[in-house]
Amino acid sequence: MNINKRARILVGAVALAGSVALAGNAFTATGVDFAGDGQDQFVGGTVGQTVSGAELASVEYISVGPDGKSTQSIKLTFTGSAGQQVDAVLNAGEDEVEVNCGLIAAGTFEVTCTPVAPLSVSTLDITVS
């Protein structure tokens, strides 16, 4: 085997390893896909959300615990709808927790949903009325 062939094989192997590493990061990243329309979205690795009654601009999960998987509260930002009531249903496995989040704040269009105890959220259903 000549040196040029070995160099090409080594460069190919490094490129393949780099592609696998980048692809792995792309599929395991967490957060909200802000490119969507702000309605039904897939959030992070395993949390899905649905929204009815308003357009959601962003969602921020405030996590606690050593693994960061228990949600302490959820900050929702809407594109408008100030003064409207927000209610949420958080599903965590077989547990379903209803949360009265309060009114959407004027100016910031934000509201924070805080369950009684931190839980590992699998789906979030938001209703604005």
N, C-alpha and C. Protein backbone atom coordinates (compact mmCIF):
# COMPACT_ATOMS: atom_id res chain seq x y z
N MET A 1 0.86 -1.18 0.00
CA MET A 1 0.00 0.00 0.00
C MET A 1 0.90 1.23 0.00
N ASN A 2 0.65 2.17 -0.92
CA ASN A 2 1.49 3.35 -0.96
C ASN A 2 0.97 4.41 0.02
N ILE A 3 1.78 5.43 0.25
CA ILE A 3 1.46 6.47 1.24
C ILE A 3 0.24 7.27 0.82
N ASN A 4 0.05 7.59 -0.45
CA ASN A 4 -1.12 8.35 -0.90
C ASN A 4 -2.40 7.61 -0.59
N LYS A 5 -2.43 6.31 -0.81
CA LYS A 5 -3.62 5.53 -0.55
C LYS A 5 -3.92 5.50 0.96
N ARG A 6 -2.89 5.34 1.79
CA ARG A 6 -3.07 5.37 3.25
C ARG A 6 -3.59 6.73 3.71
N ALA A 7 -3.06 7.79 3.14
CA ALA A 7 -3.50 9.13 3.51
C ALA A 7 -4.96 9.34 3.15
N ARG A 8 -5.37 8.88 1.97
CA ARG A 8 -6.78 9.00 1.56
C ARG A 8 -7.70 8.20 2.47
N ILE A 9 -7.29 7.02 2.86
CA ILE A 9 -8.11 6.19 3.77
C ILE A 9 -8.23 6.88 5.12
N LEU A 10 -7.13 7.42 5.64
CA LEU A 10 -7.14 8.11 6.93
C LEU A 10 -8.03 9.35 6.88
N VAL A 11 -7.92 10.14 5.82
CA VAL A 11 -8.76 11.34 5.68
C VAL A 11 -10.23 10.93 5.58
N GLY A 12 -10.53 9.89 4.84
CA GLY A 12 -11.91 9.41 4.72
C GLY A 12 -12.47 8.94 6.06
N ALA A 13 -11.66 8.22 6.83
CA ALA A 13 -12.10 7.73 8.14
C ALA A 13 -12.37 8.89 9.10
N VAL A 14 -11.51 9.90 9.10
CA VAL A 14 -11.71 11.07 9.96
C VAL A 14 -12.96 11.84 9.54
N ALA A 15 -13.18 11.98 8.24
CA ALA A 15 -14.37 12.68 7.75
C ALA A 15 -15.63 11.92 8.14
N LEU A 16 -15.61 10.61 8.04
CA LEU A 16 -16.77 9.79 8.42
C LEU A 16 -17.05 9.92 9.92
N ALA A 17 -16.02 9.87 10.73
CA ALA A 17 -16.20 10.01 12.18
C ALA A 17 -16.76 11.38 12.53
N GLY A 18 -16.28 12.41 11.86
CA GLY A 18 -16.80 13.77 12.09
C GLY A 18 -18.26 13.89 11.69
N SER A 19 -18.65 13.27 10.59
CA SER A 19 -20.05 13.30 10.14
C SER A 19 -20.95 12.61 11.15
N VAL A 20 -20.52 11.47 11.66
CA VAL A 20 -21.31 10.74 12.65
C VAL A 20 -21.46 11.57 13.92
N ALA A 21 -20.40 12.21 14.36
CA ALA A 21 -20.47 13.04 15.57
C ALA A 21 -21.42 14.21 15.37
N LEU A 22 -21.37 14.88 14.23
CA LEU A 22 -22.26 16.00 13.97
C LEU A 22 -23.71 15.54 13.86
N ALA A 23 -23.94 14.43 13.21
CA ALA A 23 -25.31 13.92 13.07
C ALA A 23 -25.87 13.55 14.44
N GLY A 24 -25.06 12.96 15.30
CA GLY A 24 -25.51 12.61 16.65
C GLY A 24 -25.91 13.84 17.43
N ASN A 25 -25.16 14.91 17.31
CA ASN A 25 -25.50 16.15 18.00
C ASN A 25 -26.79 16.74 17.46
N ALA A 26 -27.02 16.64 16.18
CA ALA A 26 -28.23 17.22 15.58
C ALA A 26 -29.48 16.52 16.08
N PHE A 27 -29.42 15.23 16.34
CA PHE A 27 -30.59 14.49 16.77
C PHE A 27 -30.81 14.51 18.27
N THR A 28 -29.83 14.91 19.05
CA THR A 28 -29.99 14.89 20.50
C THR A 28 -30.08 16.29 21.09
N ALA A 29 -30.02 17.33 20.28
CA ALA A 29 -30.10 18.69 20.80
C ALA A 29 -31.48 18.94 21.40
N THR A 30 -31.53 19.81 22.42
CA THR A 30 -32.81 20.12 23.05
C THR A 30 -33.22 21.54 22.71
N GLY A 31 -34.48 21.87 22.96
CA GLY A 31 -34.96 23.22 22.73
C GLY A 31 -36.13 23.25 21.77
N VAL A 32 -36.56 24.43 21.45
CA VAL A 32 -37.73 24.62 20.60
C VAL A 32 -37.28 24.95 19.19
N ASP A 33 -37.98 24.40 18.21
CA ASP A 33 -37.74 24.74 16.83
C ASP A 33 -38.50 26.03 16.53
N PHE A 34 -37.81 27.16 16.51
CA PHE A 34 -38.46 28.45 16.31
C PHE A 34 -38.78 28.72 14.85
N ALA A 35 -38.39 27.83 13.95
CA ALA A 35 -38.67 28.03 12.53
C ALA A 35 -40.13 27.71 12.20
N GLY A 36 -40.83 27.04 13.10
CA GLY A 36 -42.22 26.67 12.86
C GLY A 36 -43.15 27.85 13.01
N ASP A 37 -44.45 27.59 12.94
CA ASP A 37 -45.44 28.65 13.02
C ASP A 37 -45.86 28.96 14.45
N GLY A 38 -45.24 28.31 15.45
CA GLY A 38 -45.57 28.60 16.84
C GLY A 38 -46.77 27.84 17.34
N GLN A 39 -47.35 27.00 16.52
CA GLN A 39 -48.49 26.20 16.96
C GLN A 39 -47.97 24.84 17.43
N ASP A 40 -48.55 23.75 16.95
CA ASP A 40 -48.11 22.43 17.37
C ASP A 40 -46.66 22.24 16.95
N GLN A 41 -45.81 21.86 17.91
CA GLN A 41 -44.39 21.68 17.63
C GLN A 41 -43.87 20.47 18.37
N PHE A 42 -42.72 20.00 17.96
CA PHE A 42 -42.01 18.98 18.70
C PHE A 42 -40.90 19.69 19.44
N VAL A 43 -40.84 19.49 20.75
CA VAL A 43 -39.88 20.22 21.57
C VAL A 43 -38.85 19.24 22.11
N GLY A 44 -37.58 19.50 21.81
CA GLY A 44 -36.52 18.68 22.37
C GLY A 44 -36.59 17.24 21.94
N GLY A 45 -36.06 16.38 22.80
CA GLY A 45 -35.99 14.98 22.47
C GLY A 45 -37.29 14.25 22.60
N THR A 46 -38.07 14.51 23.65
CA THR A 46 -39.26 13.69 23.88
C THR A 46 -40.47 14.48 24.35
N VAL A 47 -40.47 15.79 24.29
CA VAL A 47 -41.61 16.58 24.75
C VAL A 47 -42.36 17.14 23.56
N GLY A 48 -43.66 16.84 23.46
CA GLY A 48 -44.49 17.39 22.41
C GLY A 48 -45.44 18.41 23.01
N GLN A 49 -45.89 19.36 22.23
CA GLN A 49 -46.80 20.38 22.75
C GLN A 49 -47.88 20.69 21.74
N THR A 50 -49.05 21.04 22.25
CA THR A 50 -50.13 21.54 21.41
C THR A 50 -50.62 22.84 22.02
N VAL A 51 -51.06 23.75 21.16
CA VAL A 51 -51.53 25.06 21.61
C VAL A 51 -52.84 25.36 20.90
N SER A 52 -53.82 25.86 21.67
CA SER A 52 -55.06 26.31 21.04
C SER A 52 -55.45 27.66 21.62
N GLY A 53 -55.93 28.56 20.78
CA GLY A 53 -56.42 29.85 21.23
C GLY A 53 -55.46 31.01 21.08
N ALA A 54 -54.20 30.77 20.78
CA ALA A 54 -53.21 31.84 20.60
C ALA A 54 -52.00 31.27 19.88
N GLU A 55 -51.13 32.16 19.41
CA GLU A 55 -49.91 31.72 18.75
C GLU A 55 -48.74 31.81 19.72
N LEU A 56 -48.10 30.69 19.93
CA LEU A 56 -46.97 30.59 20.86
C LEU A 56 -45.69 30.97 20.15
N ALA A 57 -44.93 31.93 20.71
CA ALA A 57 -43.66 32.36 20.12
C ALA A 57 -42.50 31.53 20.65
N SER A 58 -42.52 31.19 21.96
CA SER A 58 -41.44 30.39 22.53
C SER A 58 -41.89 29.73 23.81
N VAL A 59 -41.16 28.70 24.18
CA VAL A 59 -41.42 27.98 25.43
C VAL A 59 -40.07 27.67 26.06
N GLU A 60 -39.97 27.88 27.37
CA GLU A 60 -38.72 27.62 28.09
C GLU A 60 -39.03 26.73 29.28
N TYR A 61 -38.44 25.54 29.30
CA TYR A 61 -38.61 24.62 30.41
C TYR A 61 -37.52 24.90 31.44
N ILE A 62 -37.91 25.22 32.66
CA ILE A 62 -36.97 25.46 33.75
C ILE A 62 -36.87 24.15 34.51
N SER A 63 -35.69 23.52 34.42
CA SER A 63 -35.51 22.18 34.97
C SER A 63 -34.77 22.21 36.29
N VAL A 64 -34.99 21.15 37.07
CA VAL A 64 -34.31 20.96 38.34
C VAL A 64 -33.84 19.52 38.43
N GLY A 65 -33.07 19.24 39.45
CA GLY A 65 -32.60 17.88 39.68
C GLY A 65 -31.24 17.67 39.06
N PRO A 66 -30.54 16.64 39.54
CA PRO A 66 -29.17 16.39 39.06
C PRO A 66 -29.11 16.05 37.57
N ASP A 67 -30.17 15.44 37.03
CA ASP A 67 -30.16 15.09 35.62
C ASP A 67 -30.83 16.15 34.75
N GLY A 68 -31.46 17.16 35.38
CA GLY A 68 -32.11 18.23 34.65
C GLY A 68 -33.36 17.80 33.90
N LYS A 69 -33.93 16.65 34.27
CA LYS A 69 -35.09 16.12 33.56
C LYS A 69 -36.42 16.44 34.23
N SER A 70 -36.41 16.95 35.44
CA SER A 70 -37.65 17.31 36.12
C SER A 70 -37.94 18.78 35.87
N THR A 71 -39.14 19.07 35.39
CA THR A 71 -39.53 20.43 35.06
C THR A 71 -40.14 21.10 36.27
N GLN A 72 -39.55 22.22 36.68
CA GLN A 72 -40.04 23.00 37.81
C GLN A 72 -41.11 23.98 37.36
N SER A 73 -40.88 24.60 36.20
CA SER A 73 -41.86 25.54 35.65
C SER A 73 -41.63 25.68 34.15
N ILE A 74 -42.63 26.26 33.47
CA ILE A 74 -42.57 26.44 32.03
C ILE A 74 -42.96 27.88 31.71
N LYS A 75 -42.04 28.61 31.09
CA LYS A 75 -42.31 30.01 30.71
C LYS A 75 -42.76 30.03 29.25
N LEU A 76 -43.97 30.55 29.03
CA LEU A 76 -44.54 30.62 27.70
C LEU A 76 -44.56 32.07 27.23
N THR A 77 -44.16 32.32 26.01
CA THR A 77 -44.21 33.65 25.41
C THR A 77 -45.08 33.56 24.16
N PHE A 78 -46.07 34.42 24.09
CA PHE A 78 -47.01 34.43 22.97
C PHE A 78 -46.72 35.63 22.07
N THR A 79 -47.32 35.64 20.87
CA THR A 79 -47.12 36.75 19.94
C THR A 79 -48.07 37.91 20.22
N GLY A 80 -48.95 37.75 21.17
CA GLY A 80 -49.94 38.76 21.54
C GLY A 80 -50.84 38.17 22.60
N SER A 81 -52.13 38.49 22.53
CA SER A 81 -53.15 37.90 23.42
C SER A 81 -53.02 38.32 24.88
N ALA A 82 -52.52 39.52 25.15
CA ALA A 82 -52.37 39.99 26.53
C ALA A 82 -53.72 39.96 27.25
N GLY A 83 -53.68 39.55 28.51
CA GLY A 83 -54.87 39.53 29.34
C GLY A 83 -55.70 38.27 29.22
N GLN A 84 -55.35 37.38 28.32
CA GLN A 84 -56.11 36.14 28.17
C GLN A 84 -55.60 35.07 29.15
N GLN A 85 -56.51 34.22 29.57
CA GLN A 85 -56.22 33.14 30.53
C GLN A 85 -55.49 31.99 29.84
N VAL A 86 -54.47 31.45 30.52
CA VAL A 86 -53.73 30.30 30.01
C VAL A 86 -53.86 29.15 31.00
N ASP A 87 -54.28 28.01 30.50
CA ASP A 87 -54.35 26.78 31.28
C ASP A 87 -53.51 25.73 30.56
N ALA A 88 -52.89 24.84 31.33
CA ALA A 88 -52.04 23.82 30.72
C ALA A 88 -52.32 22.47 31.36
N VAL A 89 -52.15 21.44 30.57
CA VAL A 89 -52.19 20.06 31.06
C VAL A 89 -50.82 19.47 30.75
N LEU A 90 -50.11 19.08 31.81
CA LEU A 90 -48.79 18.48 31.68
C LEU A 90 -48.94 16.98 31.87
N ASN A 91 -48.46 16.22 30.92
CA ASN A 91 -48.50 14.76 31.02
C ASN A 91 -47.10 14.26 31.31
N ALA A 92 -47.02 13.44 32.35
CA ALA A 92 -45.74 12.84 32.75
C ALA A 92 -45.99 11.35 32.96
N GLY A 93 -45.78 10.60 31.91
CA GLY A 93 -46.07 9.17 32.00
C GLY A 93 -47.55 8.96 32.18
N GLU A 94 -47.94 8.32 33.28
CA GLU A 94 -49.36 8.09 33.54
C GLU A 94 -50.00 9.22 34.33
N ASP A 95 -49.20 10.17 34.80
CA ASP A 95 -49.72 11.30 35.56
C ASP A 95 -50.11 12.44 34.63
N GLU A 96 -51.26 13.06 34.92
CA GLU A 96 -51.72 14.22 34.17
C GLU A 96 -51.98 15.33 35.18
N VAL A 97 -51.31 16.47 35.02
CA VAL A 97 -51.40 17.56 35.97
C VAL A 97 -51.98 18.79 35.28
N GLU A 98 -53.08 19.31 35.82
CA GLU A 98 -53.68 20.53 35.28
C GLU A 98 -53.11 21.73 36.03
N VAL A 99 -52.70 22.76 35.28
CA VAL A 99 -52.10 23.95 35.88
C VAL A 99 -52.82 25.19 35.37
N ASN A 100 -53.29 26.03 36.30
CA ASN A 100 -53.84 27.34 35.96
C ASN A 100 -52.64 28.28 35.91
N CYS A 101 -52.22 28.66 34.72
CA CYS A 101 -51.00 29.46 34.56
C CYS A 101 -51.22 30.94 34.81
N GLY A 102 -52.43 31.43 34.69
CA GLY A 102 -52.72 32.84 34.89
C GLY A 102 -52.94 33.56 33.58
N LEU A 103 -52.84 34.89 33.64
CA LEU A 103 -53.10 35.74 32.47
C LEU A 103 -51.80 36.08 31.75
N ILE A 104 -51.89 36.21 30.43
CA ILE A 104 -50.74 36.63 29.63
C ILE A 104 -50.46 38.09 29.93
N ALA A 105 -49.22 38.39 30.32
CA ALA A 105 -48.83 39.74 30.71
C ALA A 105 -48.80 40.69 29.52
N ALA A 106 -49.27 41.91 29.74
CA ALA A 106 -49.20 42.95 28.72
C ALA A 106 -47.74 43.36 28.52
N GLY A 107 -47.36 43.65 27.32
CA GLY A 107 -46.00 44.11 27.04
C GLY A 107 -45.05 42.95 26.74
N THR A 108 -44.93 42.00 27.66
CA THR A 108 -44.02 40.87 27.45
C THR A 108 -44.72 39.68 26.81
N PHE A 109 -46.04 39.61 26.95
CA PHE A 109 -46.85 38.50 26.44
C PHE A 109 -46.38 37.16 27.01
N GLU A 110 -45.95 37.17 28.27
CA GLU A 110 -45.43 35.98 28.92
C GLU A 110 -46.34 35.52 30.05
N VAL A 111 -46.27 34.24 30.34
CA VAL A 111 -46.92 33.66 31.50
C VAL A 111 -46.09 32.44 31.90
N THR A 112 -46.02 32.15 33.20
CA THR A 112 -45.27 31.00 33.68
C THR A 112 -46.22 29.99 34.31
N CYS A 113 -46.10 28.75 33.88
CA CYS A 113 -46.90 27.65 34.42
C CYS A 113 -46.03 26.88 35.42
N THR A 114 -46.51 26.76 36.65
CA THR A 114 -45.74 26.09 37.69
C THR A 114 -46.58 24.99 38.34
N PRO A 115 -46.24 23.72 38.08
CA PRO A 115 -46.97 22.64 38.74
C PRO A 115 -46.65 22.61 40.23
N VAL A 116 -47.48 21.93 41.01
CA VAL A 116 -47.29 21.85 42.46
C VAL A 116 -45.93 21.25 42.81
N ALA A 117 -45.51 20.23 42.07
CA ALA A 117 -44.21 19.60 42.30
C ALA A 117 -43.53 19.38 40.95
N PRO A 118 -42.19 19.41 40.91
CA PRO A 118 -41.48 19.16 39.65
C PRO A 118 -41.82 17.77 39.10
N LEU A 119 -41.90 17.66 37.78
CA LEU A 119 -42.19 16.39 37.15
C LEU A 119 -41.51 16.30 35.80
N SER A 120 -41.41 15.09 35.30
CA SER A 120 -40.78 14.84 34.01
C SER A 120 -41.86 14.90 32.93
N VAL A 121 -41.94 16.00 32.22
CA VAL A 121 -43.01 16.27 31.26
C VAL A 121 -42.77 15.53 29.96
N SER A 122 -43.82 14.83 29.47
CA SER A 122 -43.71 14.17 28.17
C SER A 122 -44.54 14.91 27.11
N THR A 123 -45.69 15.49 27.50
CA THR A 123 -46.45 16.33 26.58
C THR A 123 -47.03 17.52 27.34
N LEU A 124 -47.26 18.59 26.61
CA LEU A 124 -47.78 19.83 27.17
C LEU A 124 -48.92 20.30 26.27
N ASP A 125 -50.12 20.40 26.84
CA ASP A 125 -51.28 20.89 26.11
C ASP A 125 -51.69 22.24 26.69
N ILE A 126 -51.65 23.29 25.86
CA ILE A 126 -51.88 24.67 26.30
C ILE A 126 -53.19 25.17 25.69
N THR A 127 -54.03 25.76 26.55
CA THR A 127 -55.28 26.36 26.08
C THR A 127 -55.33 27.82 26.52
N VAL A 128 -55.56 28.72 25.57
CA VAL A 128 -55.68 30.15 25.85
C VAL A 128 -57.13 30.55 25.58
N SER A 129 -57.75 31.20 26.58
CA SER A 129 -59.15 31.61 26.41
C SER A 129 -59.37 33.02 26.91
